[in-house]
Amino acid sequence: MSATHETKQHDPSTLRGYALAVALLSAAAQFMENLDATIIATGLPSMARDFHTTAVAVNVGITAYLLTLAIFIPVSGWMAARFGERRVFAAAILIFTVASALCGLSRTLPLFTAARVLQGIGGSMMVPVGRLMVVRAASKAQLMKAIAYTIWPSLVGPIVGPPVGGLVLRYASWPWMFLLNLPIGAVLFVLALRIVRSDGRGRRTPFDVPGFLLVGGASFSLVYLLEALQSAHPEPRITALFASASVMLGALMLWHLRRASAPLFHLEVFRIPTYRVALLPGLLVRMAVFSIPFLLPLLFQVGFGLDPLRSGSLTMAVFVGNLAMKPLTTPLLRRFGFRQVLVWNGVATVLLLAACGWLNAGTPRSLVLLLLFLGGLGRSMELTSLTTMGFSDLPEDLKGSGTTLATTLQQMTTSLGVALAALALHVAAYGRTVVAGDFRVAFCAMAALCACALPFFARLHPDAGAAVSGARVRLAPVPAETV
């Protein structure tokens, strides 16, 4: 055996064995959840016909799912600590799969909504606990590659969901959008029981009931508010009520979590600079990134006049960009470190976001595809860097709180990014129907949002997250910078 091969074989950063299996299992579960959450929109008209109602009314299924996630994701960390990650993860997959079958078998809107709530309970445990398993299973040297697997589903699911939904509706019927989850869920359930090790947890930590009520209430109010703002004509009294509830419950939540002896999650995680920057300024980037699967299909269908299937085929260029970035992410972070990558790749992401606003029906398709491909590269790198850096310095006793809190806030930002993009479109098209030129305002607004995070990234320590990235930008001791 050559020395080179032996070195590679024993490279501690190589993701293999248990860490690789857990990362792939978590990524597959997240992909199933993300695909299910985005595929449903294409089936709303067909479902409305079968339920003898309107597509707007069937939208309650999407809202019910999002609200359930908002309420129960904060509990996932306590559940994993109390019952063990293996049990909770496997049970979540089983609940999600059974609920998917019930969605496909529903023949009335109330039954469908109830099944979506059950799906939300499963999804609220499946995704954060899966990511927590990855963070615990991977060493610091392996974490960057492990996290890269868990980023893919959130980037790919919203892109491939609409075209997959279109194919299902063309060759089958809407129940198959949910029944597709049955074989996937069954395989994942068996693999979870066979692969995931019993973590020996099961600590009898007291459940923070006031914290759950405050966090769940604040999350519920915020998600409901964001859903209402996506409407072309939001009801002022409803938005004012839920905006006030979000602020008041949020303030009470912070007051309680800082004083409780056993809080739902510990706010000490925000004292860690890499986690704080990845989660707070990083949320601005996430809002911009997760608005793209909402804006692009609308641009292609409204501005270009394409049907949903042809629109979906164009957006697949983003997916190809995501795939192409994977082998480049680790070498780039090792060479330049988190700070430089987040800043310069962030600048490129801002410019590419803004450039999407100048696309129109006359733009050559080759240029559209190139722009989408490059955007996929940049957004994949930025999200992988942010997520990995966020977990790079978390101590073992704060990994549960850090993962739960990150997943909760990221769920909020997905909805917030879409709501802000929709609001920008409504403002640009005030008093008339949306036209192609209005998308320029929306894309530029998202680019500006992303740009606001760049000064915070620039103030990171040059060696931020170096234990994970392996990059050492400065060898001489320097005082730690704060954000």
Foldseek 3Di string as FASTA:
>chain_A
DDPVVVCVVPPLQDQDDQLVLLLLLLLLLLLLVLLLLQQVLLALCVLCVLQVHHSVVLCLLNLLLLLLLQQQLLLQLVCCQAPNLLVQQLVLLVQLLVLLLQCLVDRHSVSNSVSSSSNSNSVSNNNLSSVLLSLVVRDLSHLLLSLLSNLLSLQVSLLVNLLVSVVCVVPHHDSVSSNVSNVSSVVSSVSSVVRDDGPPGNDCQDDDVVLSCLSSQLSSLLLVLLVQLLDLDRDVVSNVVSVVSNVVSVVVNVVCLCPDPRHSAHPCLCVQQLQVLLQVLVLLLLLLSLQVSVLQQCLCCFFQVDDSNVSSVLLCLLVVLLVVQSVVQLVVCQAQNLLVLLQVLLVVLLVLLLVVLPDGNPPPSVVSSVSSSSNSNSSSNNNSSSVSLSSLPDDPVRSSNSSSVSVSSSSSSSSVSNSQLSNQQSVLQPPHDGYSNSNSSSSNVSSVSSVVSNVSSNQADSCRSCSNSVHDPDPDDDDGTHD
